[in-house]
Amino acid sequence: MPRARKQPQQAPENRLAEIGKRLQLIRKRRGLTQKELGEKVGLTREGLASCEAGRAHILDTTLIDLATVLRVSSDKILGLDHQTEEPLVTGRRWAKRITVVETLPEPVKKHIFRTLDDAIKANTRLSIFDD
């Protein structure tokens, strides 16, 4: 009986580059600079930049630290987890922001909500603005 063919494996350099791109994307989504994240996990800015560029391997202990600080699974950084990432802004954080916005002068509030509406329209296909 013939054996099932294995999927061809990527070259190690390509895997490192993809891991680095994911790491960079997650770091930026969390609003951290290379220096800030590096300090939190014990890397220099240059060391983290090398990891993000796919020029350096990430040690397993560093991967665990990165995942912990970035609040994602190590599988997410490695590209093994295809589930959606936890929301960047929770309901509680939205509520705090809205509370602050409500205290602002009316023209400022209108500007903030117009900007928010524009961002939502540009990034979704929701029909909430069709009324």
N, C-alpha and C. Protein backbone atom coordinates (compact mmCIF):
# COMPACT_ATOMS: atom_id res chain seq x y z
N MET A 1 0.84 -1.17 0.00
CA MET A 1 0.00 0.00 0.00
C MET A 1 0.89 1.25 0.00
N PRO A 2 0.62 2.22 -0.86
CA PRO A 2 1.47 3.41 -0.91
C PRO A 2 1.28 4.27 0.33
N ARG A 3 2.38 4.89 0.72
CA ARG A 3 2.34 5.80 1.88
C ARG A 3 1.86 7.17 1.45
N ALA A 4 1.20 7.86 2.39
CA ALA A 4 0.77 9.23 2.13
C ALA A 4 2.00 10.12 2.05
N ARG A 5 1.97 11.05 1.12
CA ARG A 5 3.10 11.97 0.97
C ARG A 5 3.07 13.02 2.06
N LYS A 6 4.25 13.33 2.54
CA LYS A 6 4.37 14.41 3.52
C LYS A 6 4.35 15.75 2.79
N GLN A 7 3.85 16.75 3.49
CA GLN A 7 3.91 18.11 2.95
C GLN A 7 5.37 18.53 2.90
N PRO A 8 5.80 19.17 1.83
CA PRO A 8 7.19 19.63 1.81
C PRO A 8 7.43 20.65 2.91
N GLN A 9 8.55 20.49 3.59
CA GLN A 9 8.88 21.42 4.67
C GLN A 9 9.53 22.67 4.10
N GLN A 10 9.26 23.78 4.78
CA GLN A 10 9.88 25.04 4.39
C GLN A 10 11.34 25.04 4.79
N ALA A 11 12.10 25.81 4.07
CA ALA A 11 13.50 26.01 4.45
C ALA A 11 13.53 26.72 5.80
N PRO A 12 14.50 26.37 6.66
CA PRO A 12 14.56 27.00 7.99
C PRO A 12 14.59 28.52 7.93
N GLU A 13 15.25 29.08 6.93
CA GLU A 13 15.33 30.55 6.85
C GLU A 13 13.94 31.15 6.64
N ASN A 14 13.12 30.48 5.82
CA ASN A 14 11.77 30.98 5.58
C ASN A 14 10.92 30.91 6.84
N ARG A 15 11.08 29.82 7.59
CA ARG A 15 10.33 29.70 8.84
C ARG A 15 10.73 30.78 9.83
N LEU A 16 12.04 31.05 9.93
CA LEU A 16 12.50 32.10 10.84
C LEU A 16 11.94 33.45 10.44
N ALA A 17 11.92 33.72 9.15
CA ALA A 17 11.40 35.01 8.67
C ALA A 17 9.91 35.14 8.97
N GLU A 18 9.15 34.06 8.79
CA GLU A 18 7.71 34.11 9.08
C GLU A 18 7.44 34.29 10.57
N ILE A 19 8.21 33.58 11.38
CA ILE A 19 8.07 33.74 12.83
C ILE A 19 8.39 35.18 13.22
N GLY A 20 9.45 35.72 12.65
CA GLY A 20 9.83 37.10 12.93
C GLY A 20 8.76 38.09 12.54
N LYS A 21 8.13 37.88 11.38
CA LYS A 21 7.06 38.78 10.93
C LYS A 21 5.87 38.72 11.89
N ARG A 22 5.51 37.49 12.31
CA ARG A 22 4.40 37.37 13.26
C ARG A 22 4.73 38.05 14.58
N LEU A 23 5.95 37.84 15.05
CA LEU A 23 6.38 38.47 16.30
C LEU A 23 6.29 39.99 16.20
N GLN A 24 6.77 40.53 15.10
CA GLN A 24 6.73 41.98 14.90
C GLN A 24 5.29 42.49 14.86
N LEU A 25 4.42 41.78 14.15
CA LEU A 25 3.02 42.19 14.06
C LEU A 25 2.35 42.19 15.42
N ILE A 26 2.57 41.13 16.19
CA ILE A 26 1.96 41.05 17.52
C ILE A 26 2.51 42.15 18.42
N ARG A 27 3.83 42.38 18.35
CA ARG A 27 4.45 43.43 19.18
C ARG A 27 3.83 44.79 18.85
N LYS A 28 3.69 45.09 17.57
CA LYS A 28 3.13 46.38 17.16
C LYS A 28 1.67 46.51 17.58
N ARG A 29 0.92 45.42 17.47
CA ARG A 29 -0.49 45.45 17.91
C ARG A 29 -0.60 45.72 19.40
N ARG A 30 0.38 45.31 20.14
CA ARG A 30 0.39 45.56 21.58
C ARG A 30 0.93 46.95 21.92
N GLY A 31 1.39 47.67 20.89
CA GLY A 31 1.86 49.04 21.12
C GLY A 31 3.22 49.13 21.78
N LEU A 32 4.05 48.12 21.58
CA LEU A 32 5.38 48.11 22.19
C LEU A 32 6.46 48.38 21.15
N THR A 33 7.51 49.07 21.55
CA THR A 33 8.67 49.23 20.69
C THR A 33 9.57 48.02 20.86
N GLN A 34 10.54 47.86 19.97
CA GLN A 34 11.50 46.76 20.11
C GLN A 34 12.25 46.90 21.43
N LYS A 35 12.61 48.11 21.77
CA LYS A 35 13.35 48.33 23.00
C LYS A 35 12.53 47.93 24.22
N GLU A 36 11.25 48.35 24.25
CA GLU A 36 10.39 48.04 25.39
C GLU A 36 10.19 46.53 25.55
N LEU A 37 9.87 45.86 24.44
CA LEU A 37 9.67 44.41 24.52
C LEU A 37 10.97 43.70 24.88
N GLY A 38 12.05 44.14 24.26
CA GLY A 38 13.35 43.53 24.55
C GLY A 38 13.69 43.61 26.03
N GLU A 39 13.46 44.78 26.63
CA GLU A 39 13.76 44.94 28.06
C GLU A 39 12.91 44.02 28.92
N LYS A 40 11.67 43.79 28.51
CA LYS A 40 10.78 42.95 29.30
C LYS A 40 11.15 41.47 29.23
N VAL A 41 11.84 41.07 28.15
CA VAL A 41 12.18 39.65 28.00
C VAL A 41 13.68 39.39 28.08
N GLY A 42 14.46 40.42 28.35
CA GLY A 42 15.89 40.23 28.51
C GLY A 42 16.69 40.20 27.23
N LEU A 43 16.21 40.91 26.21
CA LEU A 43 16.94 41.04 24.95
C LEU A 43 17.27 42.50 24.70
N THR A 44 18.33 42.74 23.95
CA THR A 44 18.61 44.10 23.51
C THR A 44 17.66 44.43 22.36
N ARG A 45 17.54 45.69 22.02
CA ARG A 45 16.73 46.08 20.87
C ARG A 45 17.26 45.41 19.62
N GLU A 46 18.59 45.36 19.50
CA GLU A 46 19.21 44.74 18.32
C GLU A 46 18.92 43.24 18.26
N GLY A 47 18.93 42.59 19.44
CA GLY A 47 18.63 41.16 19.48
C GLY A 47 17.22 40.86 19.04
N LEU A 48 16.28 41.68 19.52
CA LEU A 48 14.89 41.50 19.12
C LEU A 48 14.72 41.81 17.64
N ALA A 49 15.40 42.84 17.15
CA ALA A 49 15.33 43.18 15.73
C ALA A 49 15.82 42.01 14.87
N SER A 50 16.86 41.33 15.32
CA SER A 50 17.38 40.17 14.59
C SER A 50 16.36 39.03 14.55
N CYS A 51 15.66 38.84 15.66
CA CYS A 51 14.62 37.80 15.71
C CYS A 51 13.48 38.16 14.75
N GLU A 52 13.06 39.43 14.78
CA GLU A 52 11.96 39.86 13.92
C GLU A 52 12.34 39.82 12.44
N ALA A 53 13.60 40.01 12.14
CA ALA A 53 14.06 39.97 10.74
C ALA A 53 14.34 38.55 10.27
N GLY A 54 14.23 37.57 11.17
CA GLY A 54 14.48 36.19 10.79
C GLY A 54 15.94 35.83 10.70
N ARG A 55 16.79 36.66 11.31
CA ARG A 55 18.23 36.39 11.27
C ARG A 55 18.72 35.60 12.48
N ALA A 56 17.88 35.47 13.50
CA ALA A 56 18.29 34.79 14.73
C ALA A 56 17.21 33.82 15.18
N HIS A 57 17.64 32.71 15.74
CA HIS A 57 16.72 31.75 16.34
C HIS A 57 16.28 32.28 17.70
N ILE A 58 15.05 31.98 18.05
CA ILE A 58 14.53 32.39 19.35
C ILE A 58 14.64 31.19 20.30
N LEU A 59 15.33 31.38 21.40
CA LEU A 59 15.45 30.31 22.39
C LEU A 59 14.08 29.98 22.95
N ASP A 60 13.91 28.73 23.37
CA ASP A 60 12.61 28.32 23.91
C ASP A 60 12.21 29.14 25.13
N THR A 61 13.15 29.45 25.99
CA THR A 61 12.83 30.25 27.18
C THR A 61 12.44 31.67 26.79
N THR A 62 13.09 32.20 25.76
CA THR A 62 12.74 33.55 25.28
C THR A 62 11.37 33.54 24.63
N LEU A 63 11.06 32.47 23.91
CA LEU A 63 9.74 32.34 23.29
C LEU A 63 8.64 32.35 24.35
N ILE A 64 8.88 31.65 25.43
CA ILE A 64 7.90 31.62 26.54
C ILE A 64 7.74 33.03 27.12
N ASP A 65 8.86 33.72 27.33
CA ASP A 65 8.79 35.08 27.87
C ASP A 65 8.07 36.02 26.91
N LEU A 66 8.36 35.90 25.61
CA LEU A 66 7.69 36.75 24.62
C LEU A 66 6.18 36.50 24.63
N ALA A 67 5.80 35.23 24.63
CA ALA A 67 4.37 34.90 24.64
C ALA A 67 3.68 35.44 25.90
N THR A 68 4.35 35.35 27.02
CA THR A 68 3.78 35.83 28.28
C THR A 68 3.59 37.34 28.24
N VAL A 69 4.62 38.06 27.84
CA VAL A 69 4.55 39.53 27.80
C VAL A 69 3.52 40.00 26.77
N LEU A 70 3.47 39.33 25.61
CA LEU A 70 2.57 39.74 24.54
C LEU A 70 1.15 39.19 24.71
N ARG A 71 0.94 38.35 25.74
CA ARG A 71 -0.37 37.78 26.05
C ARG A 71 -0.94 36.97 24.88
N VAL A 72 -0.07 36.14 24.29
CA VAL A 72 -0.49 35.20 23.25
C VAL A 72 0.17 33.86 23.54
N SER A 73 -0.28 32.83 22.87
CA SER A 73 0.37 31.53 23.04
C SER A 73 1.65 31.49 22.21
N SER A 74 2.57 30.64 22.61
CA SER A 74 3.79 30.49 21.81
C SER A 74 3.42 29.93 20.44
N ASP A 75 2.35 29.13 20.37
CA ASP A 75 1.89 28.62 19.07
C ASP A 75 1.50 29.76 18.14
N LYS A 76 0.94 30.82 18.69
CA LYS A 76 0.56 31.98 17.88
C LYS A 76 1.80 32.61 17.25
N ILE A 77 2.84 32.77 18.02
CA ILE A 77 4.09 33.35 17.50
C ILE A 77 4.70 32.42 16.45
N LEU A 78 4.64 31.11 16.71
CA LEU A 78 5.22 30.14 15.79
C LEU A 78 4.37 29.88 14.55
N GLY A 79 3.13 30.35 14.57
CA GLY A 79 2.25 30.14 13.43
C GLY A 79 1.55 28.80 13.45
N LEU A 80 1.47 28.17 14.61
CA LEU A 80 0.83 26.87 14.72
C LEU A 80 -0.61 26.97 15.18
N ASP A 81 -0.99 28.14 15.69
CA ASP A 81 -2.33 28.36 16.20
C ASP A 81 -3.03 29.33 15.27
N HIS A 82 -4.06 28.88 14.64
CA HIS A 82 -4.75 29.74 13.67
C HIS A 82 -6.04 30.32 14.24
N GLN A 83 -6.20 30.26 15.56
CA GLN A 83 -7.37 30.85 16.18
C GLN A 83 -7.17 32.36 16.27
N THR A 84 -8.27 33.06 16.45
CA THR A 84 -8.18 34.51 16.54
C THR A 84 -7.51 34.93 17.83
N GLU A 85 -6.82 36.02 17.77
CA GLU A 85 -6.11 36.58 18.91
C GLU A 85 -7.09 37.24 19.87
N GLU A 86 -6.73 37.29 21.14
CA GLU A 86 -7.60 37.96 22.10
C GLU A 86 -7.74 39.43 21.71
N PRO A 87 -8.90 40.02 21.98
CA PRO A 87 -9.11 41.42 21.59
C PRO A 87 -8.10 42.35 22.26
N LEU A 88 -7.68 43.35 21.51
CA LEU A 88 -6.73 44.32 22.06
C LEU A 88 -7.40 45.23 23.08
N VAL A 89 -8.67 45.50 22.88
CA VAL A 89 -9.40 46.38 23.79
C VAL A 89 -10.59 45.61 24.32
N THR A 90 -10.62 45.40 25.62
CA THR A 90 -11.72 44.66 26.24
C THR A 90 -12.90 45.60 26.50
N GLY A 91 -14.02 45.01 26.88
CA GLY A 91 -15.20 45.81 27.18
C GLY A 91 -14.94 46.83 28.28
N ARG A 92 -14.17 46.42 29.28
CA ARG A 92 -13.85 47.32 30.39
C ARG A 92 -13.02 48.51 29.89
N ARG A 93 -12.07 48.23 29.01
CA ARG A 93 -11.22 49.32 28.50
C ARG A 93 -12.03 50.27 27.63
N TRP A 94 -12.99 49.73 26.85
CA TRP A 94 -13.87 50.60 26.06
C TRP A 94 -14.70 51.47 26.99
N ALA A 95 -15.23 50.88 28.04
CA ALA A 95 -16.07 51.64 28.97
C ALA A 95 -15.30 52.79 29.60
N LYS A 96 -14.04 52.54 29.97
CA LYS A 96 -13.22 53.61 30.55
C LYS A 96 -13.03 54.74 29.54
N ARG A 97 -12.77 54.38 28.31
CA ARG A 97 -12.56 55.40 27.28
C ARG A 97 -13.83 56.23 27.05
N ILE A 98 -14.95 55.55 26.96
CA ILE A 98 -16.22 56.26 26.73
C ILE A 98 -16.52 57.19 27.89
N THR A 99 -16.23 56.76 29.11
CA THR A 99 -16.44 57.60 30.28
C THR A 99 -15.63 58.89 30.17
N VAL A 100 -14.39 58.77 29.74
CA VAL A 100 -13.54 59.95 29.57
C VAL A 100 -14.06 60.82 28.45
N VAL A 101 -14.44 60.22 27.33
CA VAL A 101 -14.94 60.99 26.19
C VAL A 101 -16.19 61.76 26.58
N GLU A 102 -17.05 61.17 27.38
CA GLU A 102 -18.28 61.84 27.80
C GLU A 102 -18.01 63.13 28.57
N THR A 103 -16.86 63.27 29.18
CA THR A 103 -16.54 64.47 29.95
C THR A 103 -15.96 65.59 29.08
N LEU A 104 -15.67 65.30 27.83
CA LEU A 104 -15.03 66.28 26.95
C LEU A 104 -16.06 67.24 26.37
N PRO A 105 -15.60 68.41 25.90
CA PRO A 105 -16.52 69.37 25.27
C PRO A 105 -17.17 68.74 24.03
N GLU A 106 -18.37 69.18 23.71
CA GLU A 106 -19.15 68.61 22.61
C GLU A 106 -18.40 68.59 21.27
N PRO A 107 -17.71 69.66 20.86
CA PRO A 107 -17.00 69.61 19.57
C PRO A 107 -15.92 68.52 19.54
N VAL A 108 -15.26 68.32 20.66
CA VAL A 108 -14.21 67.30 20.73
C VAL A 108 -14.84 65.92 20.64
N LYS A 109 -15.97 65.72 21.35
CA LYS A 109 -16.67 64.43 21.29
C LYS A 109 -17.08 64.12 19.85
N LYS A 110 -17.67 65.11 19.17
CA LYS A 110 -18.10 64.89 17.79
C LYS A 110 -16.92 64.49 16.91
N HIS A 111 -15.79 65.14 17.10
CA HIS A 111 -14.59 64.82 16.32
C HIS A 111 -14.13 63.38 16.59
N ILE A 112 -14.11 62.99 17.86
CA ILE A 112 -13.68 61.64 18.23
C ILE A 112 -14.61 60.60 17.62
N PHE A 113 -15.92 60.81 17.72
CA PHE A 113 -16.86 59.83 17.20
C PHE A 113 -16.84 59.79 15.67
N ARG A 114 -16.63 60.92 15.04
CA ARG A 114 -16.53 60.94 13.58
C ARG A 114 -15.29 60.16 13.14
N THR A 115 -14.18 60.34 13.85
CA THR A 115 -12.95 59.61 13.54
C THR A 115 -13.15 58.12 13.75
N LEU A 116 -13.79 57.75 14.85
CA LEU A 116 -14.07 56.35 15.14
C LEU A 116 -14.97 55.74 14.06
N ASP A 117 -16.03 56.48 13.69
CA ASP A 117 -16.93 55.99 12.63
C ASP A 117 -16.18 55.77 11.33
N ASP A 118 -15.32 56.70 10.96
CA ASP A 118 -14.54 56.57 9.72
C ASP A 118 -13.63 55.35 9.77
N ALA A 119 -13.00 55.12 10.92
CA ALA A 119 -12.12 53.96 11.05
C ALA A 119 -12.91 52.66 10.95
N ILE A 120 -14.09 52.63 11.55
CA ILE A 120 -14.93 51.43 11.48
C ILE A 120 -15.38 51.20 10.04
N LYS A 121 -15.84 52.24 9.38
CA LYS A 121 -16.29 52.11 7.99
C LYS A 121 -15.17 51.61 7.09
N ALA A 122 -13.98 52.11 7.31
CA ALA A 122 -12.85 51.75 6.46
C ALA A 122 -12.38 50.32 6.68
N ASN A 123 -12.69 49.75 7.83
CA ASN A 123 -12.15 48.43 8.16
C ASN A 123 -13.19 47.33 8.30
N THR A 124 -14.45 47.64 8.04
CA THR A 124 -15.48 46.60 8.14
C THR A 124 -16.47 46.76 7.00
N ARG A 125 -17.29 45.76 6.91
CA ARG A 125 -18.38 45.82 5.92
C ARG A 125 -19.72 45.87 6.64
N LEU A 126 -19.72 46.36 7.85
CA LEU A 126 -20.94 46.43 8.63
C LEU A 126 -21.89 47.47 8.04
N SER A 127 -23.16 47.21 8.18
CA SER A 127 -24.14 48.14 7.64
C SER A 127 -24.76 49.01 8.74
N ILE A 128 -24.06 49.16 9.87
CA ILE A 128 -24.61 49.94 10.98
C ILE A 128 -24.71 51.43 10.63
N PHE A 129 -24.04 51.84 9.56
CA PHE A 129 -24.03 53.26 9.21
C PHE A 129 -25.00 53.56 8.07
N ASP A 130 -25.78 52.57 7.69
CA ASP A 130 -26.66 52.75 6.54
C ASP A 130 -27.99 53.44 6.86
N ASP A 131 -28.24 53.78 8.13
CA ASP A 131 -29.53 54.40 8.45
C ASP A 131 -29.64 55.80 7.95
